[in-house]
């Protein structure tokens, strides 16, 4: 992840993150097979240790896109 850091005299003033990042799911409970019609979400831990609410069909090891402004799930990334 690239970030723009603005500093003065070795003191960080601001840090700008990109609007979206791609992160790998390291842990999540298994979802119900075929349950793609509902908007139900479940917690998932990503490689940074952050917890993101994801749809039930997301599995461990998948790459997802996350909004850095609010930490929300955007979508699944095809590899």
PDB file of N, CA and C in Angstrom:
ATOM      1  N   UNK A   1       0.847  -1.175   0.000  1.00  0.00           N
ATOM      2  CA  UNK A   1       0.000   0.000   0.000  1.00  0.00           C
ATOM      3  C   UNK A   1       0.887   1.231   0.000  1.00  0.00           C
ATOM      4  N   UNK A   2       0.629   2.116  -0.907  1.00  0.00           N
ATOM      5  CA  UNK A   2       1.365   3.370  -0.950  1.00  0.00           C
ATOM      6  C   UNK A   2       0.590   4.430  -0.185  1.00  0.00           C
ATOM      7  N   UNK A   3       1.312   5.252   0.577  1.00  0.00           N
ATOM      8  CA  UNK A   3       0.700   6.342   1.321  1.00  0.00           C
ATOM      9  C   UNK A   3       1.533   7.596   1.112  1.00  0.00           C
ATOM     10  N   UNK A   4       0.872   8.737   1.084  1.00  0.00           N
ATOM     11  CA  UNK A   4       1.554  10.020   0.959  1.00  0.00           C
ATOM     12  C   UNK A   4       1.666  10.596   2.366  1.00  0.00           C
ATOM     13  N   UNK A   5       2.899  10.812   2.829  1.00  0.00           N
ATOM     14  CA  UNK A   5       3.130  11.341   4.170  1.00  0.00           C
ATOM     15  C   UNK A   5       3.750  12.725   4.043  1.00  0.00           C
ATOM     16  N   UNK A   6       3.163  13.689   4.738  1.00  0.00           N
ATOM     17  CA  UNK A   6       3.684  15.054   4.769  1.00  0.00           C
ATOM     18  C   UNK A   6       4.292  15.278   6.146  1.00  0.00           C
ATOM     19  N   UNK A   7       5.560  15.718   6.170  1.00  0.00           N
ATOM     20  CA  UNK A   7       6.253  15.895   7.440  1.00  0.00           C
ATOM     21  C   UNK A   7       7.018  17.209   7.449  1.00  0.00           C
ATOM     22  N   UNK A   8       7.298  17.678   8.663  1.00  0.00           N
ATOM     23  CA  UNK A   8       8.125  18.867   8.860  1.00  0.00           C
ATOM     24  C   UNK A   8       9.038  18.581  10.044  1.00  0.00           C
ATOM     25  N   UNK A   9      10.322  18.688   9.824  1.00  0.00           N
ATOM     26  CA  UNK A   9      11.314  18.432  10.885  1.00  0.00           C
ATOM     27  C   UNK A   9      11.102  17.066  11.532  1.00  0.00           C
ATOM     28  N   UNK A  10      10.909  16.047  10.704  1.00  0.00           N
ATOM     29  CA  UNK A  10      10.726  14.665  11.144  1.00  0.00           C
ATOM     30  C   UNK A  10       9.449  14.434  11.954  1.00  0.00           C
ATOM     31  N   UNK A  11       8.513  15.378  11.914  1.00  0.00           N
ATOM     32  CA  UNK A  11       7.221  15.218  12.574  1.00  0.00           C
ATOM     33  C   UNK A  11       6.165  15.034  11.490  1.00  0.00           C
ATOM     34  N   UNK A  12       5.421  13.944  11.566  1.00  0.00           N
ATOM     35  CA  UNK A  12       4.380  13.673  10.569  1.00  0.00           C
ATOM     36  C   UNK A  12       3.224  14.640  10.777  1.00  0.00           C
ATOM     37  N   UNK A  13       2.840  15.327   9.707  1.00  0.00           N
ATOM     38  CA  UNK A  13       1.725  16.268   9.766  1.00  0.00           C
ATOM     39  C   UNK A  13       0.437  15.626   9.272  1.00  0.00           C
ATOM     40  N   UNK A  14       0.498  14.955   8.128  1.00  0.00           N
ATOM     41  CA  UNK A  14      -0.668  14.255   7.583  1.00  0.00           C
ATOM     42  C   UNK A  14      -0.217  12.992   6.868  1.00  0.00           C
ATOM     43  N   UNK A  15      -1.162  12.095   6.704  1.00  0.00           N
ATOM     44  CA  UNK A  15      -0.904  10.853   5.980  1.00  0.00           C
ATOM     45  C   UNK A  15      -2.132  10.574   5.121  1.00  0.00           C
ATOM     46  N   UNK A  16      -1.943  10.458   3.817  1.00  0.00           N
ATOM     47  CA  UNK A  16      -3.046  10.206   2.895  1.00  0.00           C
ATOM     48  C   UNK A  16      -2.953   8.784   2.355  1.00  0.00           C
ATOM     49  N   UNK A  17      -3.990   7.995   2.607  1.00  0.00           N
ATOM     50  CA  UNK A  17      -4.064   6.630   2.094  1.00  0.00           C
ATOM     51  C   UNK A  17      -4.831   6.619   0.780  1.00  0.00           C
ATOM     52  N   UNK A  18      -4.606   5.614  -0.042  1.00  0.00           N
ATOM     53  CA  UNK A  18      -5.434   5.487  -1.244  1.00  0.00           C
ATOM     54  C   UNK A  18      -6.875   5.196  -0.821  1.00  0.00           C
ATOM     55  N   UNK A  19      -7.868   5.514  -1.652  1.00  0.00           N
ATOM     56  CA  UNK A  19      -9.264   5.298  -1.256  1.00  0.00           C
ATOM     57  C   UNK A  19      -9.637   3.825  -1.076  1.00  0.00           C
ATOM     58  N   UNK A  20      -8.940   2.910  -1.781  1.00  0.00           N
ATOM     59  CA  UNK A  20      -9.240   1.476  -1.679  1.00  0.00           C
ATOM     60  C   UNK A  20      -7.942   0.695  -1.572  1.00  0.00           C
ATOM     61  N   UNK A  21      -7.968  -0.407  -0.819  1.00  0.00           N
ATOM     62  CA  UNK A  21      -6.816  -1.310  -0.755  1.00  0.00           C
ATOM     63  C   UNK A  21      -7.293  -2.742  -0.962  1.00  0.00           C
ATOM     64  N   UNK A  22      -6.398  -3.576  -1.487  1.00  0.00           N
ATOM     65  CA  UNK A  22      -6.691  -4.997  -1.670  1.00  0.00           C
ATOM     66  C   UNK A  22      -6.026  -5.750  -0.533  1.00  0.00           C
ATOM     67  N   UNK A  23      -6.817  -6.539   0.203  1.00  0.00           N
ATOM     68  CA  UNK A  23      -6.320  -7.272   1.361  1.00  0.00           C
ATOM     69  C   UNK A  23      -6.796  -8.717   1.316  1.00  0.00           C
ATOM     70  N   UNK A  24      -5.969  -9.615   1.835  1.00  0.00           N
ATOM     71  CA  UNK A  24      -6.311 -11.033   1.870  1.00  0.00           C
ATOM     72  C   UNK A  24      -7.013 -11.364   3.188  1.00  0.00           C
ATOM     73  N   UNK A  25      -8.078 -12.152   3.109  1.00  0.00           N
ATOM     74  CA  UNK A  25      -8.808 -12.607   4.293  1.00  0.00           C
ATOM     75  C   UNK A  25      -7.998 -13.726   4.941  1.00  0.00           C
ATOM     76  N   UNK A  26      -7.620 -13.537   6.202  1.00  0.00           N
ATOM     77  CA  UNK A  26      -6.837 -14.552   6.910  1.00  0.00           C
ATOM     78  C   UNK A  26      -7.699 -15.427   7.801  1.00  0.00           C
ATOM     79  N   UNK A  27      -8.874 -14.919   8.215  1.00  0.00           N
ATOM     80  CA  UNK A  27      -9.775 -15.742   9.019  1.00  0.00           C
ATOM     81  C   UNK A  27     -11.209 -15.264   8.836  1.00  0.00           C
ATOM     82  N   UNK A  28     -12.106 -16.210   8.665  1.00  0.00           N
ATOM     83  CA  UNK A  28     -13.541 -15.954   8.696  1.00  0.00           C
ATOM     84  C   UNK A  28     -14.247 -17.288   8.880  1.00  0.00           C
ATOM     85  N   UNK A  29     -15.406 -17.244   9.482  1.00  0.00           N
ATOM     86  CA  UNK A  29     -16.207 -18.458   9.647  1.00  0.00           C
ATOM     87  C   UNK A  29     -16.741 -18.884   8.284  1.00  0.00           C
ATOM     88  N   UNK A  30     -16.912 -20.185   8.079  1.00  0.00           N
ATOM     89  CA  UNK A  30     -17.479 -20.631   6.797  1.00  0.00           C
ATOM     90  C   UNK A  30     -18.908 -20.117   6.637  1.00  0.00           C
ATOM     91  N   UNK A  31     -19.250 -19.722   5.417  1.00  0.00           N
ATOM     92  CA  UNK A  31     -20.609 -19.273   5.133  1.00  0.00           C
ATOM     93  C   UNK A  31     -21.457 -20.441   4.674  1.00  0.00           C
ATOM     94  N   UNK A  32     -22.723 -20.176   4.459  1.00  0.00           N
ATOM     95  CA  UNK A  32     -23.621 -21.212   3.963  1.00  0.00           C
ATOM     96  C   UNK A  32     -23.491 -21.295   2.453  1.00  0.00           C
ATOM     97  N   UNK A  33     -23.299 -22.476   1.944  1.00  0.00           N
ATOM     98  CA  UNK A  33     -23.127 -22.665   0.502  1.00  0.00           C
ATOM     99  C   UNK A  33     -24.401 -22.241  -0.231  1.00  0.00           C
ATOM    100  N   UNK A  34     -24.227 -21.458  -1.274  1.00  0.00           N
ATOM    101  CA  UNK A  34     -25.365 -21.022  -2.073  1.00  0.00           C
ATOM    102  C   UNK A  34     -26.091 -19.813  -1.522  1.00  0.00           C
ATOM    103  N   UNK A  35     -25.665 -19.279  -0.370  1.00  0.00           N
ATOM    104  CA  UNK A  35     -26.345 -18.130   0.227  1.00  0.00           C
ATOM    105  C   UNK A  35     -25.755 -16.839  -0.329  1.00  0.00           C
ATOM    106  N   UNK A  36     -26.180 -16.450  -1.526  1.00  0.00           N
ATOM    107  CA  UNK A  36     -25.679 -15.223  -2.149  1.00  0.00           C
ATOM    108  C   UNK A  36     -26.797 -14.210  -2.356  1.00  0.00           C
ATOM    109  N   UNK A  37     -28.031 -14.572  -2.033  1.00  0.00           N
ATOM    110  CA  UNK A  37     -29.159 -13.688  -2.289  1.00  0.00           C
ATOM    111  C   UNK A  37     -29.401 -12.704  -1.149  1.00  0.00           C
ATOM    112  N   UNK A  38     -28.922 -13.011   0.051  1.00  0.00           N
ATOM    113  CA  UNK A  38     -29.172 -12.127   1.184  1.00  0.00           C
ATOM    114  C   UNK A  38     -28.045 -11.119   1.339  1.00  0.00           C
ATOM    115  N   UNK A  39     -28.315 -10.066   2.084  1.00  0.00           N
ATOM    116  CA  UNK A  39     -27.307  -9.047   2.354  1.00  0.00           C
ATOM    117  C   UNK A  39     -26.674  -9.246   3.724  1.00  0.00           C
ATOM    118  N   UNK A  40     -26.708 -10.454   4.232  1.00  0.00           N
ATOM    119  CA  UNK A  40     -26.142 -10.754   5.539  1.00  0.00           C
ATOM    120  C   UNK A  40     -24.624 -10.688   5.478  1.00  0.00           C
ATOM    121  N   UNK A  41     -24.023 -10.082   6.500  1.00  0.00           N
ATOM    122  CA  UNK A  41     -22.573  -9.959   6.569  1.00  0.00           C
ATOM    123  C   UNK A  41     -22.036 -10.720   7.767  1.00  0.00           C
ATOM    124  N   UNK A  42     -20.768 -11.099   7.692  1.00  0.00           N
ATOM    125  CA  UNK A  42     -20.089 -11.792   8.783  1.00  0.00           C
ATOM    126  C   UNK A  42     -18.730 -11.131   8.984  1.00  0.00           C
ATOM    127  N   UNK A  43     -18.139 -11.257  10.172  1.00  0.00           N
ATOM    128  CA  UNK A  43     -16.819 -10.663  10.389  1.00  0.00           C
ATOM    129  C   UNK A  43     -15.723 -11.479   9.713  1.00  0.00           C
ATOM    130  N   UNK A  44     -14.719 -10.773   9.205  1.00  0.00           N
ATOM    131  CA  UNK A  44     -13.547 -11.420   8.612  1.00  0.00           C
ATOM    132  C   UNK A  44     -12.316 -10.628   9.042  1.00  0.00           C
ATOM    133  N   UNK A  45     -11.245 -11.338   9.363  1.00  0.00           N
ATOM    134  CA  UNK A  45      -9.980 -10.692   9.691  1.00  0.00           C
ATOM    135  C   UNK A  45      -9.123 -10.686   8.438  1.00  0.00           C
ATOM    136  N   UNK A  46      -8.524  -9.529   8.141  1.00  0.00           N
ATOM    137  CA  UNK A  46      -7.653  -9.415   6.971  1.00  0.00           C
ATOM    138  C   UNK A  46      -6.197  -9.413   7.417  1.00  0.00           C
ATOM    139  N   UNK A  47      -5.280  -9.454   6.456  1.00  0.00           N
ATOM    140  CA  UNK A  47      -3.854  -9.613   6.736  1.00  0.00           C
ATOM    141  C   UNK A  47      -3.254  -8.538   7.629  1.00  0.00           C
ATOM    142  N   UNK A  48      -3.890  -7.385   7.745  1.00  0.00           N
ATOM    143  CA  UNK A  48      -3.388  -6.326   8.622  1.00  0.00           C
ATOM    144  C   UNK A  48      -3.853  -6.503  10.061  1.00  0.00           C
ATOM    145  N   UNK A  49      -4.780  -7.444  10.278  1.00  0.00           N
ATOM    146  CA  UNK A  49      -5.351  -7.645  11.602  1.00  0.00           C
ATOM    147  C   UNK A  49      -6.676  -6.927  11.785  1.00  0.00           C
ATOM    148  N   UNK A  50      -7.061  -6.105  10.824  1.00  0.00           N
ATOM    149  CA  UNK A  50      -8.331  -5.380  10.898  1.00  0.00           C
ATOM    150  C   UNK A  50      -9.494  -6.337  10.659  1.00  0.00           C
ATOM    151  N   UNK A  51     -10.644  -5.986  11.233  1.00  0.00           N
ATOM    152  CA  UNK A  51     -11.851  -6.782  11.015  1.00  0.00           C
ATOM    153  C   UNK A  51     -12.755  -6.035  10.045  1.00  0.00           C
ATOM    154  N   UNK A  52     -13.231  -6.751   9.032  1.00  0.00           N
ATOM    155  CA  UNK A  52     -14.093  -6.187   7.994  1.00  0.00           C
ATOM    156  C   UNK A  52     -15.342  -7.047   7.916  1.00  0.00           C
ATOM    157  N   UNK A  53     -16.508  -6.426   7.769  1.00  0.00           N
ATOM    158  CA  UNK A  53     -17.760  -7.167   7.581  1.00  0.00           C
ATOM    159  C   UNK A  53     -17.870  -7.516   6.098  1.00  0.00           C
ATOM    160  N   UNK A  54     -17.999  -8.817   5.810  1.00  0.00           N
ATOM    161  CA  UNK A  54     -18.026  -9.300   4.426  1.00  0.00           C
ATOM    162  C   UNK A  54     -19.266 -10.157   4.190  1.00  0.00           C
ATOM    163  N   UNK A  55     -19.672 -10.337   2.927  1.00  0.00           N
ATOM    164  CA  UNK A  55     -20.795 -11.232   2.623  1.00  0.00           C
ATOM    165  C   UNK A  55     -20.470 -12.678   3.016  1.00  0.00           C
ATOM    166  N   UNK A  56     -21.503 -13.477   3.189  1.00  0.00           N
ATOM    167  CA  UNK A  56     -21.346 -14.864   3.644  1.00  0.00           C
ATOM    168  C   UNK A  56     -20.528 -15.732   2.699  1.00  0.00           C
ATOM    169  N   UNK A  57     -20.482 -15.401   1.405  1.00  0.00           N
ATOM    170  CA  UNK A  57     -19.770 -16.257   0.446  1.00  0.00           C
ATOM    171  C   UNK A  57     -18.253 -16.065   0.460  1.00  0.00           C
ATOM    172  N   UNK A  58     -17.741 -15.052   1.141  1.00  0.00           N
ATOM    173  CA  UNK A  58     -16.293 -14.818   1.197  1.00  0.00           C
ATOM    174  C   UNK A  58     -15.645 -15.880   2.082  1.00  0.00           C
ATOM    175  N   UNK A  59     -14.515 -16.427   1.608  1.00  0.00           N
ATOM    176  CA  UNK A  59     -13.813 -17.486   2.334  1.00  0.00           C
ATOM    177  C   UNK A  59     -12.391 -17.052   2.667  1.00  0.00           C
ATOM    178  N   UNK A  60     -11.768 -17.778   3.596  1.00  0.00           N
ATOM    179  CA  UNK A  60     -10.371 -17.527   3.945  1.00  0.00           C
ATOM    180  C   UNK A  60      -9.499 -17.643   2.704  1.00  0.00           C
ATOM    181  N   UNK A  61      -8.497 -16.778   2.605  1.00  0.00           N
ATOM    182  CA  UNK A  61      -7.570 -16.810   1.485  1.00  0.00           C
ATOM    183  C   UNK A  61      -7.975 -15.940   0.317  1.00  0.00           C
ATOM    184  N   UNK A  62      -9.222 -15.473   0.289  1.00  0.00           N
ATOM    185  CA  UNK A  62      -9.670 -14.635  -0.827  1.00  0.00           C
ATOM    186  C   UNK A  62      -9.137 -13.220  -0.684  1.00  0.00           C
ATOM    187  N   UNK A  63      -8.972 -12.564  -1.820  1.00  0.00           N
ATOM    188  CA  UNK A  63      -8.528 -11.180  -1.871  1.00  0.00           C
ATOM    189  C   UNK A  63      -9.764 -10.304  -2.014  1.00  0.00           C
ATOM    190  N   UNK A  64      -9.889  -9.301  -1.132  1.00  0.00           N
ATOM    191  CA  UNK A  64     -11.041  -8.401  -1.180  1.00  0.00           C
ATOM    192  C   UNK A  64     -10.562  -6.958  -1.268  1.00  0.00           C
ATOM    193  N   UNK A  65     -11.448  -6.085  -1.720  1.00  0.00           N
ATOM    194  CA  UNK A  65     -11.147  -4.658  -1.774  1.00  0.00           C
ATOM    195  C   UNK A  65     -11.889  -3.978  -0.629  1.00  0.00           C
ATOM    196  N   UNK A  66     -11.155  -3.126   0.109  1.00  0.00           N
ATOM    197  CA  UNK A  66     -11.698  -2.466   1.292  1.00  0.00           C
ATOM    198  C   UNK A  66     -11.563  -0.955   1.132  1.00  0.00           C
ATOM    199  N   UNK A  67     -12.603  -0.226   1.524  1.00  0.00           N
ATOM    200  CA  UNK A  67     -12.591   1.239   1.502  1.00  0.00           C
ATOM    201  C   UNK A  67     -11.804   1.725   2.714  1.00  0.00           C
ATOM    202  N   UNK A  68     -10.713   2.463   2.503  1.00  0.00           N
ATOM    203  CA  UNK A  68      -9.868   2.908   3.619  1.00  0.00           C
ATOM    204  C   UNK A  68     -10.508   4.029   4.427  1.00  0.00           C
ATOM    205  N   UNK A  69     -11.516   4.683   3.877  1.00  0.00           N
ATOM    206  CA  UNK A  69     -12.159   5.784   4.608  1.00  0.00           C
ATOM    207  C   UNK A  69     -13.037   5.284   5.739  1.00  0.00           C
ATOM    208  N   UNK A  70     -13.714   4.144   5.538  1.00  0.00           N
ATOM    209  CA  UNK A  70     -14.602   3.645   6.593  1.00  0.00           C
ATOM    210  C   UNK A  70     -14.403   2.160   6.905  1.00  0.00           C
ATOM    211  N   UNK A  71     -13.465   1.514   6.240  1.00  0.00           N
ATOM    212  CA  UNK A  71     -13.177   0.105   6.516  1.00  0.00           C
ATOM    213  C   UNK A  71     -14.217  -0.861   5.996  1.00  0.00           C
ATOM    214  N   UNK A  72     -15.029  -0.425   5.042  1.00  0.00           N
ATOM    215  CA  UNK A  72     -16.108  -1.285   4.546  1.00  0.00           C
ATOM    216  C   UNK A  72     -15.659  -2.124   3.349  1.00  0.00           C
ATOM    217  N   UNK A  73     -16.327  -3.251   3.194  1.00  0.00           N
ATOM    218  CA  UNK A  73     -16.100  -4.172   2.078  1.00  0.00           C
ATOM    219  C   UNK A  73     -16.623  -3.539   0.797  1.00  0.00           C
ATOM    220  N   UNK A  74     -15.817  -3.577  -0.267  1.00  0.00           N
ATOM    221  CA  UNK A  74     -16.251  -3.068  -1.569  1.00  0.00           C
ATOM    222  C   UNK A  74     -16.579  -4.225  -2.501  1.00  0.00           C
ATOM    223  N   UNK A  75     -15.691  -5.213  -2.556  1.00  0.00           N
ATOM    224  CA  UNK A  75     -15.937  -6.330  -3.453  1.00  0.00           C
ATOM    225  C   UNK A  75     -14.815  -7.342  -3.428  1.00  0.00           C
ATOM    226  N   UNK A  76     -15.045  -8.431  -4.121  1.00  0.00           N
ATOM    227  CA  UNK A  76     -14.054  -9.497  -4.254  1.00  0.00           C
ATOM    228  C   UNK A  76     -13.135  -9.149  -5.416  1.00  0.00           C
ATOM    229  N   UNK A  77     -11.838  -9.422  -5.256  1.00  0.00           N
ATOM    230  CA  UNK A  77     -10.852  -9.150  -6.300  1.00  0.00           C
ATOM    231  C   UNK A  77     -10.538 -10.458  -7.005  1.00  0.00           C
ATOM    232  N   UNK A  78     -10.653 -10.460  -8.324  1.00  0.00           N
ATOM    233  CA  UNK A  78     -10.308 -11.662  -9.097  1.00  0.00           C
ATOM    234  C   UNK A  78      -8.805 -11.706  -9.283  1.00  0.00           C
ATOM    235  N   UNK A  79      -8.236 -12.861  -9.030  1.00  0.00           N
ATOM    236  CA  UNK A  79      -6.776 -13.007  -9.155  1.00  0.00           C
ATOM    237  C   UNK A  79      -6.413 -13.653 -10.468  1.00  0.00           C
TER     238      UNK A  79
END
